[in-house]
């Protein structure tokens, strides 16, 4: 009997699979492999363009919602491709940074809505390329990606990146826009090839990112440089985030804020305005010598603060002259009140001293609640006023020049 002929084994072709299991297999592919399948055959091209396959990638990498898709009136695949053509170099970072920005905006919208208005719109790729050419260093992709979402913020008080009072230290840091950051790029000893990320209006200090591995720093490391304050009290900077990358630094900060770990203080910040009536006699001109505050918390505990000047300065007040400065205080409880006085001496009568009383005013300090405290004096030629509004720096600097107000001294006294 003749032996049976050997049968050729049948080859299982992927394309011969029914549509449903094949679509299931394609649903496990990453966007790169899914795009490659479009080039293998006509059937795989057709199936790889199945719109629901791209919905997962749009949500995973670009955080595109159903509502946004309906507004754009495009297929999921078209949205993915158009977004990738614009932001593809940032695909490793975009979703993480976009979620951090969204979480922060949602949190601020509930508790500090006016700060959202200080955020700037995104920048273009060519703007970031121009900055790289200007400073002669490459910007890390995670930093660039964040600025494609928001170009930092206006210079305002309080700042986005930390506005907090510690035991004896106060900072309010703004997240710098790309042009301001580039203008502060450092090449001096101790800060070579370092780009400022933040700026504190009160102290003039910044947090920096090292763009090269120089002077003992790792490339893209973020650090806080304040040797004077570190020497006097290292605990003053314990709450400030550092990081090995911009992504780590920014997302760590946002997480701390939205989980209640770091307060963004609204109600403990004061714009103090001291003004003499323009109708006052010239011989009423005087100079501020000292201030005294009596601070009482909700438990009845009293703290007295007395010292020379305000924020390290001794402003001269004359008819029509205005002096403004930013002040803050801390409470161990969520409410309390303050009262006190300023001591002045007359310029025309050197031996004549007088006090301008600041009547008691109450403060309720849950995080983000805006204070409406107002202080008035018992001397009709002098007034001290607290302005709760954030101050745009352009307007603030113009006003400073007009009023001849001195620039911040860089000190961070506990109470001013």
Protein backbone atom coordinates (compact mmCIF):
# COMPACT_ATOMS: atom_id res chain seq x y z
CA UNK A 1 0.00 0.00 0.00
CA UNK A 2 1.43 3.37 -0.98
CA UNK A 3 2.43 5.78 1.79
CA UNK A 4 0.23 8.86 2.07
CA UNK A 5 1.66 12.01 0.61
CA UNK A 6 2.97 14.58 3.15
CA UNK A 7 0.54 17.42 3.46
CA UNK A 8 1.90 20.97 3.44
CA UNK A 9 1.09 22.67 6.79
CA UNK A 10 -1.31 25.55 6.37
CA UNK A 11 0.07 29.00 7.18
CA UNK A 12 -2.09 31.08 9.49
CA UNK A 13 -2.16 34.61 8.15
CA UNK A 14 -3.02 37.47 10.48
CA UNK A 15 -5.05 39.03 7.70
CA UNK A 16 -7.22 35.93 7.48
CA UNK A 17 -8.51 36.42 10.99
CA UNK A 18 -12.07 37.63 11.33
CA UNK A 19 -12.48 41.35 11.90
CA UNK A 20 -13.48 41.30 15.57
CA UNK A 21 -10.50 39.33 16.95
CA UNK A 22 -8.16 41.28 14.69
CA UNK A 23 -9.47 44.58 16.02
CA UNK A 24 -9.02 43.22 19.53
CA UNK A 25 -5.37 42.45 18.79
CA UNK A 26 -4.84 45.91 17.30
CA UNK A 27 -6.33 47.51 20.40
CA UNK A 28 -3.31 46.34 22.41
CA UNK A 29 -0.81 48.03 20.12
CA UNK A 30 0.88 51.31 20.92
CA UNK A 31 0.37 54.23 18.59
CA UNK A 32 3.70 53.59 16.80
CA UNK A 33 2.83 49.98 15.97
CA UNK A 34 -0.70 50.90 15.08
CA UNK A 35 0.60 53.46 12.62
CA UNK A 36 3.02 50.89 11.18
CA UNK A 37 0.14 48.49 10.56
CA UNK A 38 -1.33 51.08 8.21
CA UNK A 39 1.58 50.45 5.86
CA UNK A 40 1.50 46.62 5.83
CA UNK A 41 -1.56 45.87 3.75
CA UNK A 42 -4.80 47.29 2.54
CA UNK A 43 -6.87 45.36 5.09
CA UNK A 44 -4.65 46.29 8.03
CA UNK A 45 -4.67 49.89 6.83
CA UNK A 46 -8.43 49.83 6.85
CA UNK A 47 -8.70 48.18 10.28
CA UNK A 48 -5.94 50.33 11.83
CA UNK A 49 -7.95 53.40 10.92
CA UNK A 50 -10.89 52.11 12.95
CA UNK A 51 -11.65 55.24 14.97
CA UNK A 52 -12.27 53.65 18.39
CA UNK A 53 -8.69 52.32 18.33
CA UNK A 54 -7.37 55.88 18.46
CA UNK A 55 -9.66 57.04 21.22
CA UNK A 56 -7.50 55.32 23.84
CA UNK A 57 -4.34 56.99 22.53
CA UNK A 58 -5.94 60.42 22.39
CA UNK A 59 -7.03 60.12 26.01
CA UNK A 60 -3.78 58.54 27.20
CA UNK A 61 -1.31 60.90 25.57
CA UNK A 62 -3.25 64.14 24.97
CA UNK A 63 -6.04 63.96 27.57
CA UNK A 64 -8.64 64.67 24.89
CA UNK A 65 -12.16 64.38 26.27
CA UNK A 66 -15.35 63.39 24.47
CA UNK A 67 -16.55 66.96 24.76
CA UNK A 68 -13.39 68.33 23.16
CA UNK A 69 -13.66 65.78 20.35
CA UNK A 70 -17.19 66.87 19.59
CA UNK A 71 -16.09 70.51 19.54
CA UNK A 72 -13.25 69.78 17.14
CA UNK A 73 -15.52 67.76 14.87
CA UNK A 74 -12.71 65.37 13.88
CA UNK A 75 -12.14 61.64 14.13
CA UNK A 76 -10.03 60.30 17.00
CA UNK A 77 -7.30 59.36 14.54
CA UNK A 78 -7.27 62.80 12.94
CA UNK A 79 -7.08 64.44 16.38
CA UNK A 80 -4.20 62.19 17.42
CA UNK A 81 -2.23 62.87 14.25
CA UNK A 82 -2.79 66.65 14.27
CA UNK A 83 -1.85 66.89 17.95
CA UNK A 84 1.19 64.69 17.42
CA UNK A 85 2.35 66.88 14.55
CA UNK A 86 2.39 69.84 16.98
CA UNK A 87 3.41 68.25 20.29
CA UNK A 88 4.91 64.91 19.29
CA UNK A 89 8.33 65.62 20.78
CA UNK A 90 6.66 65.99 24.18
CA UNK A 91 4.57 62.83 24.13
CA UNK A 92 6.50 61.40 27.11
CA UNK A 93 5.63 64.40 29.27
CA UNK A 94 2.51 66.07 27.96
CA UNK A 95 -0.19 64.04 29.74
CA UNK A 96 1.55 64.26 33.11
CA UNK A 97 2.15 68.01 32.87
CA UNK A 98 -1.28 68.76 31.41
CA UNK A 99 -2.94 66.86 34.24
CA UNK A 100 -0.84 68.78 36.78
CA UNK A 101 -1.85 72.10 35.22
CA UNK A 102 -5.52 71.02 35.08
CA UNK A 103 -5.46 69.92 38.72
CA UNK A 104 -3.85 73.18 39.78
CA UNK A 105 -6.30 75.31 37.83
CA UNK A 106 -9.27 73.40 39.23
CA UNK A 107 -7.95 73.85 42.75
CA UNK A 108 -7.26 77.55 42.28
CA UNK A 109 -10.63 78.03 40.62
CA UNK A 110 -12.30 76.88 43.81
CA UNK A 111 -10.06 78.67 46.28
CA UNK A 112 -8.05 81.39 44.58
CA UNK A 113 -9.72 82.25 41.25
CA UNK A 114 -7.95 85.56 40.73
CA UNK A 115 -4.62 83.78 40.51
CA UNK A 116 -5.82 81.95 37.39
CA UNK A 117 -6.09 85.28 35.60
CA UNK A 118 -2.34 85.74 36.07
CA UNK A 119 -1.54 82.64 33.99
CA UNK A 120 -0.26 83.34 30.50
CA UNK A 121 -1.24 81.55 27.32
CA UNK A 122 1.03 78.93 25.78
CA UNK A 123 4.06 79.82 23.66
CA UNK A 124 4.95 78.56 20.20
CA UNK A 125 7.76 76.21 19.28
CA UNK A 126 9.57 79.00 17.50
CA UNK A 127 9.48 81.12 20.67
CA UNK A 128 11.22 78.36 22.62
CA UNK A 129 13.73 77.85 19.80
CA UNK A 130 14.49 81.58 19.87
CA UNK A 131 15.20 81.44 23.60
CA UNK A 132 17.59 78.54 23.10
CA UNK A 133 19.43 80.56 20.47
CA UNK A 134 19.50 83.58 22.78
CA UNK A 135 21.01 81.81 25.79
CA UNK A 136 23.11 79.28 23.88
CA UNK A 137 21.72 76.27 25.80
CA UNK A 138 19.14 73.61 25.09
CA UNK A 139 15.97 73.68 27.16
CA UNK A 140 14.81 70.28 28.47
CA UNK A 141 11.73 68.90 26.75
CA UNK A 142 9.68 68.70 29.95
CA UNK A 143 10.29 72.42 30.57
CA UNK A 144 9.39 73.25 26.97
CA UNK A 145 6.29 71.08 27.21
CA UNK A 146 5.00 72.93 30.28
CA UNK A 147 5.38 76.25 28.49
CA UNK A 148 3.42 74.90 25.53
CA UNK A 149 0.56 74.64 28.05
CA UNK A 150 1.10 77.86 30.05
CA UNK A 151 3.81 80.47 29.60
CA UNK A 152 4.28 80.99 33.32
CA UNK A 153 2.41 83.88 34.91
CA UNK A 154 2.41 87.62 35.25
CA UNK A 155 4.54 88.99 38.08
CA UNK A 156 1.91 89.37 40.76
CA UNK A 157 1.45 89.04 44.49
CA UNK A 158 0.90 86.31 45.57
CA UNK A 159 2.82 84.06 43.21
CA UNK A 160 1.84 80.69 41.85
CA UNK A 161 4.91 78.74 42.94
CA UNK A 162 4.80 79.13 46.68
CA UNK A 163 3.19 81.90 48.63
CA UNK A 164 3.62 80.93 52.21
CA UNK A 165 4.60 82.18 55.62
CA UNK A 166 6.83 79.90 57.65
CA UNK A 167 7.92 80.40 61.23
CA UNK A 168 10.14 83.35 60.44
CA UNK A 169 10.22 83.55 56.67
CA UNK A 170 7.89 84.66 53.89
CA UNK A 171 8.09 84.07 50.17
CA UNK A 172 5.73 84.56 47.29
CA UNK A 173 7.22 83.14 44.12
CA UNK A 174 5.96 83.75 40.60
CA UNK A 175 6.48 81.18 37.86
CA UNK A 176 8.43 83.18 35.27
CA UNK A 177 7.36 83.39 31.65
CA UNK A 178 9.93 82.27 29.10
CA UNK A 179 11.13 85.75 28.08
CA UNK A 180 11.62 86.90 31.66
CA UNK A 181 13.42 83.67 32.50
CA UNK A 182 15.72 84.06 29.49
CA UNK A 183 16.50 87.64 30.54
CA UNK A 184 17.66 86.31 33.91
CA UNK A 185 19.88 83.55 32.48
CA UNK A 186 23.05 83.46 34.55
CA UNK A 187 26.70 83.09 33.61
CA UNK A 188 28.21 84.49 36.80
CA UNK A 189 30.27 82.42 39.19
CA UNK A 190 28.09 80.21 41.34
CA UNK A 191 25.19 80.25 38.88
CA UNK A 192 26.84 79.47 35.57
CA UNK A 193 24.37 78.39 32.88
CA UNK A 194 21.45 78.50 35.29
CA UNK A 195 17.97 79.59 34.25
CA UNK A 196 15.64 81.16 36.83
CA UNK A 197 12.28 79.42 37.15
CA UNK A 198 10.68 81.60 39.80
CA UNK A 199 11.05 85.08 41.23
CA UNK A 200 10.10 86.37 44.66
CA UNK A 201 8.99 89.99 44.47
CA UNK A 202 9.64 90.44 48.19
CA UNK A 203 13.24 89.23 48.24
CA UNK A 204 14.41 89.34 44.62
CA UNK A 205 15.46 85.69 44.94
CA UNK A 206 14.80 82.80 42.55
CA UNK A 207 14.81 79.06 42.15
CA UNK A 208 17.07 77.95 39.31
CA UNK A 209 17.49 75.09 36.86
CA UNK A 210 21.02 74.13 35.81
CA UNK A 211 21.10 73.70 32.03
CA UNK A 212 24.53 72.07 32.09
CA UNK A 213 26.51 69.93 34.53
CA UNK A 214 28.77 72.65 35.90
CA UNK A 215 29.92 73.83 39.33
CA UNK A 216 29.00 70.53 40.95
CA UNK A 217 25.39 70.50 39.75
CA UNK A 218 23.67 67.87 37.69
CA UNK A 219 22.17 68.83 34.34
CA UNK A 220 18.53 69.98 34.71
CA UNK A 221 18.72 69.90 38.51
CA UNK A 222 16.47 72.49 40.17
CA UNK A 223 17.71 74.18 43.30
CA UNK A 224 16.99 77.09 45.60
CA UNK A 225 19.88 79.48 46.06
CA UNK A 226 19.70 81.69 49.12
CA UNK A 227 23.01 81.32 51.01
CA UNK A 228 22.32 84.22 53.40
CA UNK A 229 19.01 82.84 54.62
CA UNK A 230 20.32 79.28 54.60
CA UNK A 231 23.15 80.32 56.88
CA UNK A 232 20.83 82.12 59.31
CA UNK A 233 18.03 79.59 59.37
CA UNK A 234 18.09 76.51 57.09
CA UNK A 235 14.55 75.58 58.19
CA UNK A 236 13.29 78.60 56.28
CA UNK A 237 13.59 76.70 53.01
CA UNK A 238 12.45 73.27 54.15
CA UNK A 239 9.11 73.59 52.39
CA UNK A 240 10.50 74.51 48.99
CA UNK A 241 10.60 71.84 46.32
CA UNK A 242 13.80 70.86 44.56
CA UNK A 243 14.05 68.25 41.85
CA UNK A 244 16.23 66.37 39.41
CA UNK A 245 14.03 67.55 36.54
CA UNK A 246 11.40 70.15 35.76
CA UNK A 247 8.74 67.43 35.56
CA UNK A 248 9.55 66.18 39.05
CA UNK A 249 9.77 69.70 40.47
CA UNK A 250 6.49 71.00 39.03
CA UNK A 251 4.35 67.91 39.55
CA UNK A 252 5.64 67.47 43.12
CA UNK A 253 4.70 71.04 43.93
CA UNK A 254 1.23 70.75 42.41
CA UNK A 255 0.60 67.52 44.29
CA UNK A 256 1.58 69.19 47.56
CA UNK A 257 -0.74 72.12 46.87
CA UNK A 258 -3.85 70.19 45.82
CA UNK A 259 -3.50 67.71 48.70
CA UNK A 260 -3.21 70.53 51.23
CA UNK A 261 0.49 70.05 51.93
CA UNK A 262 1.49 73.56 50.88
CA UNK A 263 -0.71 76.60 51.41
CA UNK A 264 -0.97 79.34 48.82
CA UNK A 265 -1.72 82.16 51.20
CA UNK A 266 -4.17 84.86 50.21
CA UNK A 267 -5.35 86.28 53.48
CA UNK A 268 -2.06 86.93 55.25
CA UNK A 269 -0.67 89.23 52.54
CA UNK A 270 -1.05 92.98 52.88
CA UNK A 271 -0.31 95.91 50.66
CA UNK A 272 0.30 98.68 53.17
CA UNK A 273 -0.08 102.24 51.96
CA UNK A 274 1.13 105.20 54.02
CA UNK A 275 0.14 108.59 52.69
CA UNK A 276 0.18 112.21 53.82
CA UNK A 277 -2.53 114.56 52.64
CA UNK A 278 -1.36 116.80 49.82
CA UNK A 279 -2.93 119.71 51.68
CA UNK A 280 -0.71 119.23 54.74
CA UNK A 281 1.80 121.94 55.60
CA UNK A 282 5.40 121.33 54.43
CA UNK A 283 6.65 121.41 58.02
CA UNK A 284 4.57 118.28 58.67
CA UNK A 285 7.08 116.17 56.70
CA UNK A 286 8.32 113.26 58.78
CA UNK A 287 10.22 109.98 58.68
CA UNK A 288 9.09 106.59 59.93
CA UNK A 289 11.36 105.27 62.68
CA UNK A 290 9.75 102.06 63.95
CA UNK A 291 6.63 99.96 64.10
CA UNK A 292 4.87 98.09 66.89
CA UNK A 293 2.38 95.26 66.46
CA UNK A 294 0.36 93.46 69.09
CA UNK A 295 -0.88 90.18 67.62
CA UNK A 296 -3.51 88.09 69.40
CA UNK A 297 -4.62 84.66 68.18
CA UNK A 298 -7.94 82.92 68.75
CA UNK A 299 -6.66 81.35 71.97
CA UNK A 300 -5.83 84.76 73.43
CA UNK A 301 -2.08 84.24 73.12
CA UNK A 302 -0.36 87.57 72.56
CA UNK A 303 2.79 88.28 70.61
CA UNK A 304 4.38 91.71 70.47
CA UNK A 305 6.63 92.73 67.61
CA UNK A 306 8.61 95.94 67.64
CA UNK A 307 11.48 96.98 65.44
CA UNK A 308 13.09 99.67 63.35
CA UNK A 309 11.52 100.78 60.10
CA UNK A 310 9.39 98.63 57.83
CA UNK A 311 10.92 95.93 55.59
CA UNK A 312 14.29 97.38 56.56
CA UNK A 313 13.47 100.86 55.27
CA UNK A 314 12.73 104.25 56.86
CA UNK A 315 10.44 106.06 54.42
CA UNK A 316 10.10 109.83 54.41
CA UNK A 317 6.51 111.03 54.20
CA UNK A 318 5.77 114.55 53.00
CA UNK A 319 2.62 116.31 51.71
CA UNK A 320 1.18 114.25 48.83
CA UNK A 321 3.85 111.57 49.20
CA UNK A 322 2.87 107.88 49.23
CA UNK A 323 4.83 104.87 50.46
CA UNK A 324 3.70 101.29 49.86
CA UNK A 325 5.11 97.95 50.91
CA UNK A 326 4.03 94.33 51.20
CA UNK A 327 3.62 92.84 54.66
CA UNK A 328 2.56 89.55 56.19
CA UNK A 329 2.13 87.81 59.50
CA UNK A 330 1.50 84.29 60.77
CA UNK A 331 -1.00 82.84 63.23
CA UNK A 332 -0.96 79.53 65.06
CA UNK A 333 -4.76 79.58 64.86
CA UNK A 334 -7.09 80.28 61.96
CA UNK A 335 -8.19 83.66 63.26
CA UNK A 336 -6.94 86.53 65.37
CA UNK A 337 -6.55 90.28 65.42
CA UNK A 338 -3.81 92.87 65.23
CA UNK A 339 -3.29 96.42 66.37
CA UNK A 340 -0.35 98.72 66.82
CA UNK A 341 1.26 101.95 65.77
CA UNK A 342 4.01 103.54 63.69
CA UNK A 343 6.45 105.94 65.30
CA UNK A 344 7.56 108.96 63.25
CA UNK A 345 9.86 111.93 63.89
CA UNK A 346 9.39 115.35 62.32
CA UNK A 347 11.99 116.49 59.85
CA UNK A 348 11.61 120.17 60.72
CA UNK A 349 11.52 119.59 64.46
CA UNK A 350 14.08 116.86 65.04
CA UNK A 351 13.15 116.27 68.66
CA UNK A 352 9.45 115.84 67.99
CA UNK A 353 8.21 112.23 67.86
CA UNK A 354 4.65 110.99 67.51
CA UNK A 355 2.77 107.72 67.04
CA UNK A 356 0.21 106.97 64.34
CA UNK A 357 -2.20 104.44 65.80
CA UNK A 358 -3.37 101.43 63.80
CA UNK A 359 -6.71 100.43 65.34
CA UNK A 360 -7.52 96.80 65.97
CA UNK A 361 -8.58 94.78 62.94
CA UNK A 362 -9.66 91.16 62.86
CA UNK A 363 -8.41 88.43 60.54
CA UNK A 364 -9.95 85.07 59.65
CA UNK A 365 -7.37 82.90 57.98
CA UNK A 366 -8.69 79.76 56.31
CA UNK A 367 -6.41 79.13 53.35
CA UNK A 368 -7.35 81.15 50.27
CA UNK A 369 -9.98 83.35 51.94
CA UNK A 370 -9.31 86.93 50.98
CA UNK A 371 -8.91 89.39 53.82
CA UNK A 372 -10.75 92.69 53.69
CA UNK A 373 -8.96 94.20 56.65
CA UNK A 374 -8.60 97.97 56.53
CA UNK A 375 -6.51 100.09 58.83
CA UNK A 376 -7.12 103.75 59.57
CA UNK A 377 -5.24 106.06 61.86
CA UNK A 378 -6.29 108.63 64.43
CA UNK A 379 -4.23 111.32 62.75
CA UNK A 380 -6.14 113.09 59.99
CA UNK A 381 -3.03 113.80 57.91
CA UNK A 382 -1.82 110.20 57.73
CA UNK A 383 -3.49 107.04 56.51
CA UNK A 384 -2.49 103.40 56.35
CA UNK A 385 -4.46 101.31 53.89
CA UNK A 386 -4.41 97.61 53.02
CA UNK A 387 -5.09 96.63 49.42
CA UNK A 388 -6.21 93.04 48.97
CA UNK A 389 -5.82 92.96 45.20
CA UNK A 390 -2.95 91.26 43.47
CA UNK A 391 -0.46 93.69 42.00
CA UNK A 392 0.65 93.40 38.40
CA UNK A 393 4.35 94.11 38.38
CA UNK A 394 4.35 96.45 35.37
CA UNK A 395 1.80 98.68 37.07
CA UNK A 396 3.55 98.19 40.39
CA UNK A 397 6.94 99.21 39.01
CA UNK A 398 5.51 102.24 37.23
CA UNK A 399 3.85 103.31 40.44
CA UNK A 400 7.06 102.69 42.37
CA UNK A 401 9.00 104.99 40.05
CA UNK A 402 6.38 107.73 40.14
CA UNK A 403 6.17 107.62 43.91
CA UNK A 404 9.90 107.16 44.34
CA UNK A 405 9.32 104.00 46.37
CA UNK A 406 12.53 102.10 47.13
CA UNK A 407 13.03 98.65 45.64
CA UNK A 408 12.68 95.55 47.85
CA UNK A 409 15.67 95.06 50.12
CA UNK A 410 15.79 91.28 49.86
CA UNK A 411 15.08 90.78 53.55
CA UNK A 412 12.42 88.48 54.87
CA UNK A 413 11.50 89.67 58.37
CA UNK A 414 8.86 87.71 60.17
CA UNK A 415 6.54 90.63 60.73
CA UNK A 416 6.85 93.92 58.89
